[in-house]
Structures are given as C-alpha cells and as structure tokens.
PDB file of all heavy atoms in Angstrom:
ATOM      1  N   GLN A   1      17.578  73.767-177.776  1.00  0.00           N
ATOM      2  CA  GLN A   1      18.004  73.676-179.175  1.00  0.00           C
ATOM      3  C   GLN A   1      18.830  72.426-179.440  1.00  0.00           C
ATOM      4  O   GLN A   1      18.632  71.825-180.600  1.00  0.00           O
ATOM      5  CB  GLN A   1      18.891  74.920-179.554  1.00  0.00           C
ATOM      6  CG  GLN A   1      18.165  76.255-179.242  1.00  0.00           C
ATOM      7  CD  GLN A   1      16.819  76.260-180.044  1.00  0.00           C
ATOM      8  OE1 GLN A   1      16.724  75.819-181.203  1.00  0.00           O
ATOM      9  NE2 GLN A   1      15.780  76.786-179.386  1.00  0.00           N
ATOM     10  N   ILE A   2      19.593  72.019-178.576  1.00  0.00           N
ATOM     11  CA  ILE A   2      20.387  70.759-178.703  1.00  0.00           C
ATOM     12  C   ILE A   2      19.535  69.620-178.850  1.00  0.00           C
ATOM     13  O   ILE A   2      19.735  68.697-179.688  1.00  0.00           O
ATOM     14  CB  ILE A   2      21.463  70.581-177.557  1.00  0.00           C
ATOM     15  CG1 ILE A   2      22.461  71.704-177.525  1.00  0.00           C
ATOM     16  CG2 ILE A   2      22.077  69.263-177.634  1.00  0.00           C
ATOM     17  CD1 ILE A   2      23.397  71.722-176.336  1.00  0.00           C
ATOM     18  N   GLN A   3      18.488  69.550-178.093  1.00  0.00           N
ATOM     19  CA  GLN A   3      17.603  68.374-178.106  1.00  0.00           C
ATOM     20  C   GLN A   3      16.792  68.236-179.370  1.00  0.00           C
ATOM     21  O   GLN A   3      16.497  67.104-179.770  1.00  0.00           O
ATOM     22  CB  GLN A   3      16.537  68.620-176.986  1.00  0.00           C
ATOM     23  CG  GLN A   3      15.688  67.426-176.741  1.00  0.00           C
ATOM     24  CD  GLN A   3      14.774  67.583-175.430  1.00  0.00           C
ATOM     25  OE1 GLN A   3      14.738  68.645-174.922  1.00  0.00           O
ATOM     26  NE2 GLN A   3      14.104  66.503-175.063  1.00  0.00           N
ATOM     27  N   ASN A   4      16.667  69.362-180.140  1.00  0.00           N
ATOM     28  CA  ASN A   4      15.988  69.329-181.395  1.00  0.00           C
ATOM     29  C   ASN A   4      16.942  69.025-182.624  1.00  0.00           C
ATOM     30  O   ASN A   4      16.462  68.917-183.725  1.00  0.00           O
ATOM     31  CB  ASN A   4      15.211  70.626-181.607  1.00  0.00           C
ATOM     32  CG  ASN A   4      14.110  70.797-180.595  1.00  0.00           C
ATOM     33  OD1 ASN A   4      13.539  69.861-180.161  1.00  0.00           O
ATOM     34  ND2 ASN A   4      13.810  72.140-180.290  1.00  0.00           N
ATOM     35  N   SER A   5      18.270  69.145-182.285  1.00  0.00           N
ATOM     36  CA  SER A   5      19.201  68.935-183.356  1.00  0.00           C
ATOM     37  C   SER A   5      19.346  67.516-183.916  1.00  0.00           C
ATOM     38  O   SER A   5      19.172  66.599-183.055  1.00  0.00           O
ATOM     39  CB  SER A   5      20.582  69.393-182.999  1.00  0.00           C
ATOM     40  OG  SER A   5      21.120  68.637-181.893  1.00  0.00           O
ATOM     41  N   GLN A   6      19.670  67.334-185.136  1.00  0.00           N
ATOM     42  CA  GLN A   6      19.737  65.935-185.690  1.00  0.00           C
ATOM     43  C   GLN A   6      21.105  65.306-185.526  1.00  0.00           C
ATOM     44  O   GLN A   6      21.317  64.089-185.392  1.00  0.00           O
ATOM     45  CB  GLN A   6      19.373  65.909-187.163  1.00  0.00           C
ATOM     46  CG  GLN A   6      19.356  64.508-187.843  1.00  0.00           C
ATOM     47  CD  GLN A   6      18.933  64.679-189.351  1.00  0.00           C
ATOM     48  OE1 GLN A   6      18.588  65.707-189.757  1.00  0.00           O
ATOM     49  NE2 GLN A   6      18.895  63.506-189.927  1.00  0.00           N
ATOM     50  N   TYR A   7      22.175  66.202-185.573  1.00  0.00           N
ATOM     51  CA  TYR A   7      23.508  65.713-185.519  1.00  0.00           C
ATOM     52  C   TYR A   7      24.203  66.268-184.288  1.00  0.00           C
ATOM     53  O   TYR A   7      23.976  67.450-183.856  1.00  0.00           O
ATOM     54  CB  TYR A   7      24.312  66.174-186.787  1.00  0.00           C
ATOM     55  CG  TYR A   7      23.723  65.751-188.073  1.00  0.00           C
ATOM     56  CD1 TYR A   7      22.871  66.535-188.767  1.00  0.00           C
ATOM     57  CD2 TYR A   7      23.975  64.400-188.494  1.00  0.00           C
ATOM     58  CE1 TYR A   7      22.320  66.109-189.923  1.00  0.00           C
ATOM     59  CE2 TYR A   7      23.365  63.949-189.728  1.00  0.00           C
ATOM     60  CZ  TYR A   7      22.551  64.792-190.433  1.00  0.00           C
ATOM     61  OH  TYR A   7      22.018  64.362-191.571  1.00  0.00           O
ATOM     62  N   TRP A   8      25.002  65.426-183.581  1.00  0.00           N
ATOM     63  CA  TRP A   8      25.586  65.879-182.376  1.00  0.00           C
ATOM     64  C   TRP A   8      26.508  67.042-182.501  1.00  0.00           C
ATOM     65  O   TRP A   8      26.674  67.853-181.539  1.00  0.00           O
ATOM     66  CB  TRP A   8      26.327  64.752-181.712  1.00  0.00           C
ATOM     67  CG  TRP A   8      27.562  64.331-182.299  1.00  0.00           C
ATOM     68  CD1 TRP A   8      27.852  63.384-183.238  1.00  0.00           C
ATOM     69  CD2 TRP A   8      28.887  64.875-182.012  1.00  0.00           C
ATOM     70  NE1 TRP A   8      29.139  63.291-183.599  1.00  0.00           N
ATOM     71  CE2 TRP A   8      29.844  64.184-182.840  1.00  0.00           C
ATOM     72  CE3 TRP A   8      29.326  65.888-181.192  1.00  0.00           C
ATOM     73  CZ2 TRP A   8      31.136  64.530-182.826  1.00  0.00           C
ATOM     74  CZ3 TRP A   8      30.654  66.143-181.075  1.00  0.00           C
ATOM     75  CH2 TRP A   8      31.652  65.418-181.912  1.00  0.00           C
ATOM     76  N   TYR A   9      27.140  67.223-183.557  1.00  0.00           N
ATOM     77  CA  TYR A   9      28.200  68.277-183.796  1.00  0.00           C
ATOM     78  C   TYR A   9      27.574  69.485-184.345  1.00  0.00           C
ATOM     79  O   TYR A   9      28.351  70.539-184.650  1.00  0.00           O
ATOM     80  CB  TYR A   9      29.331  67.751-184.647  1.00  0.00           C
ATOM     81  CG  TYR A   9      28.845  67.085-185.999  1.00  0.00           C
ATOM     82  CD1 TYR A   9      28.597  67.872-187.108  1.00  0.00           C
ATOM     83  CD2 TYR A   9      28.579  65.730-186.060  1.00  0.00           C
ATOM     84  CE1 TYR A   9      28.087  67.285-188.242  1.00  0.00           C
ATOM     85  CE2 TYR A   9      28.161  65.091-187.220  1.00  0.00           C
ATOM     86  CZ  TYR A   9      27.933  65.936-188.351  1.00  0.00           C
ATOM     87  OH  TYR A   9      27.496  65.274-189.463  1.00  0.00           O
ATOM     88  N   GLU A  10      26.308  69.581-184.758  1.00  0.00           N
ATOM     89  CA  GLU A  10      25.701  70.677-185.533  1.00  0.00           C
ATOM     90  C   GLU A  10      25.846  72.040-184.771  1.00  0.00           C
ATOM     91  O   GLU A  10      26.178  73.048-185.410  1.00  0.00           O
ATOM     92  CB  GLU A  10      24.188  70.327-185.768  1.00  0.00           C
ATOM     93  CG  GLU A  10      23.578  71.380-186.636  1.00  0.00           C
ATOM     94  CD  GLU A  10      22.152  70.947-186.948  1.00  0.00           C
ATOM     95  OE1 GLU A  10      21.686  69.798-186.548  1.00  0.00           O
ATOM     96  OE2 GLU A  10      21.427  71.854-187.472  1.00  0.00           O
ATOM     97  N   HIS A  11      25.704  72.007-183.491  1.00  0.00           N
ATOM     98  CA  HIS A  11      25.730  73.283-182.733  1.00  0.00           C
ATOM     99  C   HIS A  11      26.934  73.447-181.869  1.00  0.00           C
ATOM    100  O   HIS A  11      27.016  74.479-181.163  1.00  0.00           O
ATOM    101  CB  HIS A  11      24.449  73.393-181.923  1.00  0.00           C
ATOM    102  CG  HIS A  11      23.159  73.376-182.661  1.00  0.00           C
ATOM    103  ND1 HIS A  11      22.982  74.208-183.808  1.00  0.00           N
ATOM    104  CD2 HIS A  11      21.982  72.763-182.460  1.00  0.00           C
ATOM    105  CE1 HIS A  11      21.766  74.001-184.275  1.00  0.00           C
ATOM    106  NE2 HIS A  11      21.117  73.148-183.483  1.00  0.00           N
ATOM    107  N   LEU A  12      27.849  72.477-181.865  1.00  0.00           N
ATOM    108  CA  LEU A  12      28.993  72.624-181.116  1.00  0.00           C
ATOM    109  C   LEU A  12      29.874  73.758-181.456  1.00  0.00           C
ATOM    110  O   LEU A  12      30.279  74.644-180.499  1.00  0.00           O
ATOM    111  CB  LEU A  12      29.837  71.326-181.159  1.00  0.00           C
ATOM    112  CG  LEU A  12      31.240  71.329-180.537  1.00  0.00           C
ATOM    113  CD1 LEU A  12      31.176  71.545-179.029  1.00  0.00           C
ATOM    114  CD2 LEU A  12      31.973  70.062-180.732  1.00  0.00           C
ATOM    115  N   PRO A  13      30.279  74.119-182.669  1.00  0.00           N
ATOM    116  CA  PRO A  13      31.094  75.277-182.949  1.00  0.00           C
ATOM    117  C   PRO A  13      30.415  76.534-182.524  1.00  0.00           C
ATOM    118  O   PRO A  13      31.054  77.435-182.040  1.00  0.00           O
ATOM    119  CB  PRO A  13      31.188  75.256-184.509  1.00  0.00           C
ATOM    120  CG  PRO A  13      31.091  73.713-184.824  1.00  0.00           C
ATOM    121  CD  PRO A  13      30.052  73.279-183.873  1.00  0.00           C
ATOM    122  N   GLY A  14      29.076  76.695-182.677  1.00  0.00           N
ATOM    123  CA  GLY A  14      28.388  77.887-182.290  1.00  0.00           C
ATOM    124  C   GLY A  14      28.426  78.117-180.808  1.00  0.00           C
ATOM    125  O   GLY A  14      28.593  79.191-180.245  1.00  0.00           O
ATOM    126  N   HIS A  15      28.315  77.014-180.006  1.00  0.00           N
ATOM    127  CA  HIS A  15      28.313  77.149-178.538  1.00  0.00           C
ATOM    128  C   HIS A  15      29.709  77.508-178.124  1.00  0.00           C
ATOM    129  O   HIS A  15      29.872  78.361-177.208  1.00  0.00           O
ATOM    130  CB  HIS A  15      27.927  75.774-178.017  1.00  0.00           C
ATOM    131  CG  HIS A  15      27.794  75.784-176.430  1.00  0.00           C
ATOM    132  ND1 HIS A  15      28.825  75.451-175.602  1.00  0.00           N
ATOM    133  CD2 HIS A  15      26.692  76.144-175.684  1.00  0.00           C
ATOM    134  CE1 HIS A  15      28.399  75.525-174.377  1.00  0.00           C
ATOM    135  NE2 HIS A  15      27.136  76.002-174.397  1.00  0.00           N
ATOM    136  N   LEU A  16      30.739  77.022-178.850  1.00  0.00           N
ATOM    137  CA  LEU A  16      32.175  77.329-178.425  1.00  0.00           C
ATOM    138  C   LEU A  16      32.420  78.778-178.772  1.00  0.00           C
ATOM    139  O   LEU A  16      33.113  79.549-178.011  1.00  0.00           O
ATOM    140  CB  LEU A  16      33.192  76.539-179.224  1.00  0.00           C
ATOM    141  CG  LEU A  16      33.370  75.066-178.816  1.00  0.00           C
ATOM    142  CD1 LEU A  16      34.174  74.291-179.809  1.00  0.00           C
ATOM    143  CD2 LEU A  16      33.840  74.946-177.385  1.00  0.00           C
ATOM    144  N   PHE A  17      31.784  79.335-179.858  1.00  0.00           N
ATOM    145  CA  PHE A  17      31.978  80.744-180.215  1.00  0.00           C
ATOM    146  C   PHE A  17      31.475  81.695-179.093  1.00  0.00           C
ATOM    147  O   PHE A  17      32.081  82.719-178.895  1.00  0.00           O
ATOM    148  CB  PHE A  17      31.224  80.999-181.460  1.00  0.00           C
ATOM    149  CG  PHE A  17      31.254  82.350-181.981  1.00  0.00           C
ATOM    150  CD1 PHE A  17      32.422  82.878-182.434  1.00  0.00           C
ATOM    151  CD2 PHE A  17      30.089  83.234-182.016  1.00  0.00           C
ATOM    152  CE1 PHE A  17      32.498  84.223-182.898  1.00  0.00           C
ATOM    153  CE2 PHE A  17      30.216  84.471-182.509  1.00  0.00           C
ATOM    154  CZ  PHE A  17      31.416  85.027-182.926  1.00  0.00           C
ATOM    155  N   TYR A  18      30.432  81.244-178.296  1.00  0.00           N
ATOM    156  CA  TYR A  18      29.947  82.024-177.308  1.00  0.00           C
ATOM    157  C   TYR A  18      30.342  81.837-175.926  1.00  0.00           C
ATOM    158  O   TYR A  18      30.270  82.514-174.974  1.00  0.00           O
ATOM    159  CB  TYR A  18      28.348  82.011-177.210  1.00  0.00           C
ATOM    160  CG  TYR A  18      27.725  82.463-178.594  1.00  0.00           C
ATOM    161  CD1 TYR A  18      27.089  81.546-179.337  1.00  0.00           C
ATOM    162  CD2 TYR A  18      27.867  83.792-179.050  1.00  0.00           C
ATOM    163  CE1 TYR A  18      26.489  81.982-180.577  1.00  0.00           C
ATOM    164  CE2 TYR A  18      27.276  84.154-180.170  1.00  0.00           C
ATOM    165  CZ  TYR A  18      26.618  83.205-180.993  1.00  0.00           C
ATOM    166  OH  TYR A  18      26.097  83.615-182.200  1.00  0.00           O
ATOM    167  N   THR A  19      30.987  80.594-175.748  1.00  0.00           N
ATOM    168  CA  THR A  19      31.422  80.144-174.372  1.00  0.00           C
ATOM    169  C   THR A  19      32.923  80.004-174.253  1.00  0.00           C
ATOM    170  O   THR A  19      33.506  80.191-173.212  1.00  0.00           O
ATOM    171  CB  THR A  19      30.774  78.885-173.940  1.00  0.00           C
ATOM    172  OG1 THR A  19      31.058  77.791-174.898  1.00  0.00           O
ATOM    173  CG2 THR A  19      29.218  79.086-173.930  1.00  0.00           C
ATOM    174  N   ASN A  20      33.659  79.582-175.314  1.00  0.00           N
ATOM    175  CA  ASN A  20      34.993  79.301-175.331  1.00  0.00           C
ATOM    176  C   ASN A  20      35.696  79.664-176.714  1.00  0.00           C
ATOM    177  O   ASN A  20      36.119  78.788-177.360  1.00  0.00           O
ATOM    178  CB  ASN A  20      35.304  77.873-174.905  1.00  0.00           C
ATOM    179  CG  ASN A  20      36.754  77.644-174.623  1.00  0.00           C
ATOM    180  OD1 ASN A  20      37.620  78.589-174.612  1.00  0.00           O
ATOM    181  ND2 ASN A  20      37.155  76.390-174.363  1.00  0.00           N
ATOM    182  N   PRO A  21      35.632  80.927-177.138  1.00  0.00           N
ATOM    183  CA  PRO A  21      36.092  81.257-178.399  1.00  0.00           C
ATOM    184  C   PRO A  21      37.535  81.049-178.681  1.00  0.00           C
ATOM    185  O   PRO A  21      37.988  80.985-179.859  1.00  0.00           O
ATOM    186  CB  PRO A  21      35.641  82.740-178.617  1.00  0.00           C
ATOM    187  CG  PRO A  21      35.480  83.281-177.240  1.00  0.00           C
ATOM    188  CD  PRO A  21      35.144  82.077-176.415  1.00  0.00           C
ATOM    189  N   ALA A  22      38.396  81.001-177.665  1.00  0.00           N
ATOM    190  CA  ALA A  22      39.701  80.722-177.835  1.00  0.00           C
ATOM    191  C   ALA A  22      40.149  79.256-177.708  1.00  0.00           C
ATOM    192  O   ALA A  22      41.305  78.905-177.438  1.00  0.00           O
ATOM    193  CB  ALA A  22      40.535  81.568-176.765  1.00  0.00           C
ATOM    194  N   CYS A  23      39.150  78.425-177.957  1.00  0.00           N
ATOM    195  CA  CYS A  23      39.414  76.901-177.711  1.00  0.00           C
ATOM    196  C   CYS A  23      40.466  76.449-178.866  1.00  0.00           C
ATOM    197  O   CYS A  23      40.401  76.821-179.937  1.00  0.00           O
ATOM    198  CB  CYS A  23      38.093  76.127-177.999  1.00  0.00           C
ATOM    199  SG  CYS A  23      38.263  74.340-178.102  1.00  0.00           S
ATOM    200  N   THR A  24      41.445  75.689-178.332  1.00  0.00           N
ATOM    201  CA  THR A  24      42.497  75.275-179.126  1.00  0.00           C
ATOM    202  C   THR A  24      42.227  73.841-179.729  1.00  0.00           C
ATOM    203  O   THR A  24      41.296  73.091-179.113  1.00  0.00           O
ATOM    204  CB  THR A  24      43.881  75.291-178.514  1.00  0.00           C
ATOM    205  OG1 THR A  24      43.807  74.375-177.369  1.00  0.00           O
ATOM    206  CG2 THR A  24      44.180  76.696-177.982  1.00  0.00           C
ATOM    207  N   HIS A  25      43.015  73.422-180.702  1.00  0.00           N
ATOM    208  CA  HIS A  25      42.934  72.057-181.218  1.00  0.00           C
ATOM    209  C   HIS A  25      43.046  71.055-180.069  1.00  0.00           C
ATOM    210  O   HIS A  25      42.423  69.970-180.147  1.00  0.00           O
ATOM    211  CB  HIS A  25      43.963  71.906-182.240  1.00  0.00           C
ATOM    212  CG  HIS A  25      43.880  70.573-182.993  1.00  0.00           C
ATOM    213  ND1 HIS A  25      44.847  70.202-183.953  1.00  0.00           N
ATOM    214  CD2 HIS A  25      43.064  69.565-182.915  1.00  0.00           C
ATOM    215  CE1 HIS A  25      44.566  69.037-184.446  1.00  0.00           C
ATOM    216  NE2 HIS A  25      43.464  68.677-183.761  1.00  0.00           N
ATOM    217  N   PHE A  26      43.982  71.241-179.141  1.00  0.00           N
ATOM    218  CA  PHE A  26      44.321  70.323-178.119  1.00  0.00           C
ATOM    219  C   PHE A  26      43.153  70.118-177.145  1.00  0.00           C
ATOM    220  O   PHE A  26      43.081  69.097-176.411  1.00  0.00           O
ATOM    221  CB  PHE A  26      45.605  70.665-177.419  1.00  0.00           C
ATOM    222  CG  PHE A  26      46.707  71.007-178.357  1.00  0.00           C
ATOM    223  CD1 PHE A  26      47.078  72.300-178.520  1.00  0.00           C
ATOM    224  CD2 PHE A  26      47.323  69.929-179.133  1.00  0.00           C
ATOM    225  CE1 PHE A  26      48.135  72.631-179.437  1.00  0.00           C
ATOM    226  CE2 PHE A  26      48.354  70.288-179.970  1.00  0.00           C
ATOM    227  CZ  PHE A  26      48.804  71.573-180.199  1.00  0.00           C
ATOM    228  N   GLU A  27      42.356  71.148-176.850  1.00  0.00           N
ATOM    229  CA  GLU A  27      41.244  71.031-175.956  1.00  0.00           C
ATOM    230  C   GLU A  27      40.040  70.522-176.632  1.00  0.00           C
ATOM    231  O   GLU A  27      39.071  70.134-175.952  1.00  0.00           O
ATOM    232  CB  GLU A  27      40.924  72.501-175.399  1.00  0.00           C
ATOM    233  CG  GLU A  27      42.079  73.239-174.791  1.00  0.00           C
ATOM    234  CD  GLU A  27      41.703  74.715-174.414  1.00  0.00           C
ATOM    235  OE1 GLU A  27      41.541  75.419-175.425  1.00  0.00           O
ATOM    236  OE2 GLU A  27      41.594  75.051-173.311  1.00  0.00           O
ATOM    237  N   LEU A  28      40.028  70.411-177.903  1.00  0.00           N
ATOM    238  CA  LEU A  28      38.748  70.119-178.625  1.00  0.00           C
ATOM    239  C   LEU A  28      38.315  68.679-178.278  1.00  0.00           C
ATOM    240  O   LEU A  28      37.020  68.500-178.205  1.00  0.00           O
ATOM    241  CB  LEU A  28      38.947  70.232-180.116  1.00  0.00           C
ATOM    242  CG  LEU A  28      37.691  70.177-181.021  1.00  0.00           C
ATOM    243  CD1 LEU A  28      36.779  71.188-180.564  1.00  0.00           C
ATOM    244  CD2 LEU A  28      38.092  70.357-182.498  1.00  0.00           C
ATOM    245  N   GLY A  29      39.201  67.692-178.176  1.00  0.00           N
ATOM    246  CA  GLY A  29      38.710  66.325-177.905  1.00  0.00           C
ATOM    247  C   GLY A  29      37.910  66.178-176.660  1.00  0.00           C
ATOM    248  O   GLY A  29      36.852  65.628-176.697  1.00  0.00           O
ATOM    249  N   ALA A  30      38.442  66.738-175.542  1.00  0.00           N
ATOM    250  CA  ALA A  30      37.720  66.639-174.233  1.00  0.00           C
ATOM    251  C   ALA A  30      36.331  67.400-174.429  1.00  0.00           C
ATOM    252  O   ALA A  30      35.260  66.954-173.895  1.00  0.00           O
ATOM    253  CB  ALA A  30      38.509  67.201-173.143  1.00  0.00           C
ATOM    254  N   ILE A  31      36.342  68.542-175.048  1.00  0.00           N
ATOM    255  CA  ILE A  31      35.157  69.343-175.152  1.00  0.00           C
ATOM    256  C   ILE A  31      34.097  68.640-176.006  1.00  0.00           C
ATOM    257  O   ILE A  31      32.849  68.595-175.700  1.00  0.00           O
ATOM    258  CB  ILE A  31      35.464  70.741-175.752  1.00  0.00           C
ATOM    259  CG1 ILE A  31      36.280  71.557-174.775  1.00  0.00           C
ATOM    260  CG2 ILE A  31      34.152  71.494-176.117  1.00  0.00           C
ATOM    261  CD1 ILE A  31      36.763  72.901-175.380  1.00  0.00           C
ATOM    262  N   ALA A  32      34.623  67.992-177.091  1.00  0.00           N
ATOM    263  CA  ALA A  32      33.579  67.258-178.058  1.00  0.00           C
ATOM    264  C   ALA A  32      33.035  66.096-177.291  1.00  0.00           C
ATOM    265  O   ALA A  32      31.747  65.802-177.457  1.00  0.00           O
ATOM    266  CB  ALA A  32      34.387  66.745-179.227  1.00  0.00           C
ATOM    267  N   ASN A  33      33.743  65.281-176.474  1.00  0.00           N
ATOM    268  CA  ASN A  33      33.195  64.199-175.715  1.00  0.00           C
ATOM    269  C   ASN A  33      32.118  64.653-174.710  1.00  0.00           C
ATOM    270  O   ASN A  33      31.101  64.064-174.503  1.00  0.00           O
ATOM    271  CB  ASN A  33      34.343  63.339-175.045  1.00  0.00           C
ATOM    272  CG  ASN A  33      34.949  62.439-175.996  1.00  0.00           C
ATOM    273  OD1 ASN A  33      34.384  61.362-176.306  1.00  0.00           O
ATOM    274  ND2 ASN A  33      36.192  62.776-176.386  1.00  0.00           N
ATOM    275  N   ALA A  34      32.573  65.744-174.003  1.00  0.00           N
ATOM    276  CA  ALA A  34      31.453  66.311-172.981  1.00  0.00           C
ATOM    277  C   ALA A  34      30.245  66.769-173.734  1.00  0.00           C
ATOM    278  O   ALA A  34      29.159  66.542-173.230  1.00  0.00           O
ATOM    279  CB  ALA A  34      32.100  67.442-172.286  1.00  0.00           C
ATOM    280  N   TRP A  35      30.418  67.362-174.848  1.00  0.00           N
ATOM    281  CA  TRP A  35      29.272  67.867-175.612  1.00  0.00           C
ATOM    282  C   TRP A  35      28.383  66.712-176.105  1.00  0.00           C
ATOM    283  O   TRP A  35      27.200  66.690-176.138  1.00  0.00           O
ATOM    284  CB  TRP A  35      29.765  68.703-176.784  1.00  0.00           C
ATOM    285  CG  TRP A  35      28.625  69.257-177.704  1.00  0.00           C
ATOM    286  CD1 TRP A  35      28.113  68.637-178.764  1.00  0.00           C
ATOM    287  CD2 TRP A  35      27.852  70.413-177.473  1.00  0.00           C
ATOM    288  NE1 TRP A  35      27.097  69.409-179.318  1.00  0.00           N
ATOM    289  CE2 TRP A  35      26.925  70.521-178.534  1.00  0.00           C
ATOM    290  CE3 TRP A  35      27.840  71.487-176.496  1.00  0.00           C
ATOM    291  CZ2 TRP A  35      26.116  71.646-178.598  1.00  0.00           C
ATOM    292  CZ3 TRP A  35      27.063  72.559-176.633  1.00  0.00           C
ATOM    293  CH2 TRP A  35      26.118  72.645-177.650  1.00  0.00           C
ATOM    294  N   LEU A  36      29.037  65.596-176.606  1.00  0.00           N
ATOM    295  CA  LEU A  36      28.339  64.401-177.038  1.00  0.00           C
ATOM    296  C   LEU A  36      27.461  63.819-175.988  1.00  0.00           C
ATOM    297  O   LEU A  36      26.454  63.362-176.154  1.00  0.00           O
ATOM    298  CB  LEU A  36      29.332  63.421-177.692  1.00  0.00           C
ATOM    299  CG  LEU A  36      28.749  62.115-178.099  1.00  0.00           C
ATOM    300  CD1 LEU A  36      27.717  62.260-179.184  1.00  0.00           C
ATOM    301  CD2 LEU A  36      29.919  61.194-178.681  1.00  0.00           C
ATOM    302  N   GLU A  37      28.094  63.749-174.769  1.00  0.00           N
ATOM    303  CA  GLU A  37      27.370  63.109-173.651  1.00  0.00           C
ATOM    304  C   GLU A  37      26.180  63.989-173.375  1.00  0.00           C
ATOM    305  O   GLU A  37      25.089  63.476-173.023  1.00  0.00           O
ATOM    306  CB  GLU A  37      28.235  63.000-172.518  1.00  0.00           C
ATOM    307  CG  GLU A  37      29.380  61.932-172.635  1.00  0.00           C
ATOM    308  CD  GLU A  37      30.337  61.851-171.385  1.00  0.00           C
ATOM    309  OE1 GLU A  37      30.085  62.598-170.431  1.00  0.00           O
ATOM    310  OE2 GLU A  37      31.239  61.032-171.414  1.00  0.00           O
ATOM    311  N   ARG A  38      26.392  65.288-173.341  1.00  0.00           N
ATOM    312  CA  ARG A  38      25.284  66.274-173.081  1.00  0.00           C
ATOM    313  C   ARG A  38      24.149  66.086-174.056  1.00  0.00           C
ATOM    314  O   ARG A  38      22.961  65.998-173.800  1.00  0.00           O
ATOM    315  CB  ARG A  38      25.773  67.678-173.164  1.00  0.00           C
ATOM    316  CG  ARG A  38      24.813  68.741-172.854  1.00  0.00           C
ATOM    317  CD  ARG A  38      25.436  70.113-172.965  1.00  0.00           C
ATOM    318  NE  ARG A  38      24.487  71.249-172.845  1.00  0.00           N
ATOM    319  CZ  ARG A  38      24.834  72.435-172.899  1.00  0.00           C
ATOM    320  NH1 ARG A  38      26.105  72.831-173.012  1.00  0.00           N
ATOM    321  NH2 ARG A  38      23.896  73.500-172.816  1.00  0.00           N
ATOM    322  N   TRP A  39      24.544  65.980-175.422  1.00  0.00           N
ATOM    323  CA  TRP A  39      23.461  65.766-176.485  1.00  0.00           C
ATOM    324  C   TRP A  39      22.814  64.477-176.405  1.00  0.00           C
ATOM    325  O   TRP A  39      21.504  64.447-176.468  1.00  0.00           O
ATOM    326  CB  TRP A  39      24.272  65.776-177.826  1.00  0.00           C
ATOM    327  CG  TRP A  39      23.500  65.660-179.078  1.00  0.00           C
ATOM    328  CD1 TRP A  39      22.585  66.591-179.598  1.00  0.00           C
ATOM    329  CD2 TRP A  39      23.439  64.459-179.808  1.00  0.00           C
ATOM    330  NE1 TRP A  39      21.980  66.069-180.738  1.00  0.00           N
ATOM    331  CE2 TRP A  39      22.488  64.758-180.950  1.00  0.00           C
ATOM    332  CE3 TRP A  39      23.976  63.158-179.857  1.00  0.00           C
ATOM    333  CZ2 TRP A  39      22.139  63.821-181.910  1.00  0.00           C
ATOM    334  CZ3 TRP A  39      23.634  62.313-180.829  1.00  0.00           C
ATOM    335  CH2 TRP A  39      22.736  62.604-181.868  1.00  0.00           C
ATOM    336  N   ALA A  40      23.534  63.423-176.052  1.00  0.00           N
ATOM    337  CA  ALA A  40      22.881  62.030-175.859  1.00  0.00           C
ATOM    338  C   ALA A  40      21.949  62.044-174.722  1.00  0.00           C
ATOM    339  O   ALA A  40      20.834  61.443-174.724  1.00  0.00           O
ATOM    340  CB  ALA A  40      24.034  60.957-175.762  1.00  0.00           C
ATOM    341  N   SER A  41      22.323  62.669-173.540  1.00  0.00           N
ATOM    342  CA  SER A  41      21.452  62.720-172.377  1.00  0.00           C
ATOM    343  C   SER A  41      20.242  63.432-172.639  1.00  0.00           C
ATOM    344  O   SER A  41      19.090  63.079-172.184  1.00  0.00           O
ATOM    345  CB  SER A  41      22.208  63.190-171.208  1.00  0.00           C
ATOM    346  OG  SER A  41      22.562  64.575-171.415  1.00  0.00           O
ATOM    347  N   LEU A  42      20.256  64.524-173.386  1.00  0.00           N
ATOM    348  CA  LEU A  42      19.095  65.346-173.669  1.00  0.00           C
ATOM    349  C   LEU A  42      18.124  64.549-174.569  1.00  0.00           C
ATOM    350  O   LEU A  42      16.879  64.765-174.587  1.00  0.00           O
ATOM    351  CB  LEU A  42      19.510  66.614-174.348  1.00  0.00           C
ATOM    352  CG  LEU A  42      20.214  67.664-173.430  1.00  0.00           C
ATOM    353  CD1 LEU A  42      20.684  68.891-174.135  1.00  0.00           C
ATOM    354  CD2 LEU A  42      19.137  68.136-172.394  1.00  0.00           C
ATOM    355  N   LYS A  43      18.683  63.701-175.425  1.00  0.00           N
ATOM    356  CA  LYS A  43      17.872  62.829-176.343  1.00  0.00           C
ATOM    357  C   LYS A  43      17.477  61.567-175.639  1.00  0.00           C
ATOM    358  O   LYS A  43      16.867  60.660-176.241  1.00  0.00           O
ATOM    359  CB  LYS A  43      18.583  62.611-177.627  1.00  0.00           C
ATOM    360  CG  LYS A  43      18.686  63.823-178.558  1.00  0.00           C
ATOM    361  CD  LYS A  43      19.197  63.408-179.939  1.00  0.00           C
ATOM    362  CE  LYS A  43      18.994  64.531-180.852  1.00  0.00           C
ATOM    363  NZ  LYS A  43      17.565  64.668-181.285  1.00  0.00           N
TER     364      LYS A  43
END
C-alpha cells in the first residue's frame, strides 16, 4: 500500500494507529524519518 501512495505522509498516522498508538510528539520526528526512508526505498 505504501508503494502505491502518492504522498509519503498519507498512511503514516494509520500505521501508527495499529503499531504505536501511544506515540508522543517527541517520538514523532524519528518515526517520520524512518517512515520516509521506507517510503522512498519502496519507490
């Protein structure tokens, strides 16, 4: 699904909802960068 998405952040909140629903503001930066690298590599 990530590979078919147009925007890198489109599915990030949904993935957090199922994998890390208690994610805080302070953790979000590292998670977002890891997700972006994952999205770019899949594309």
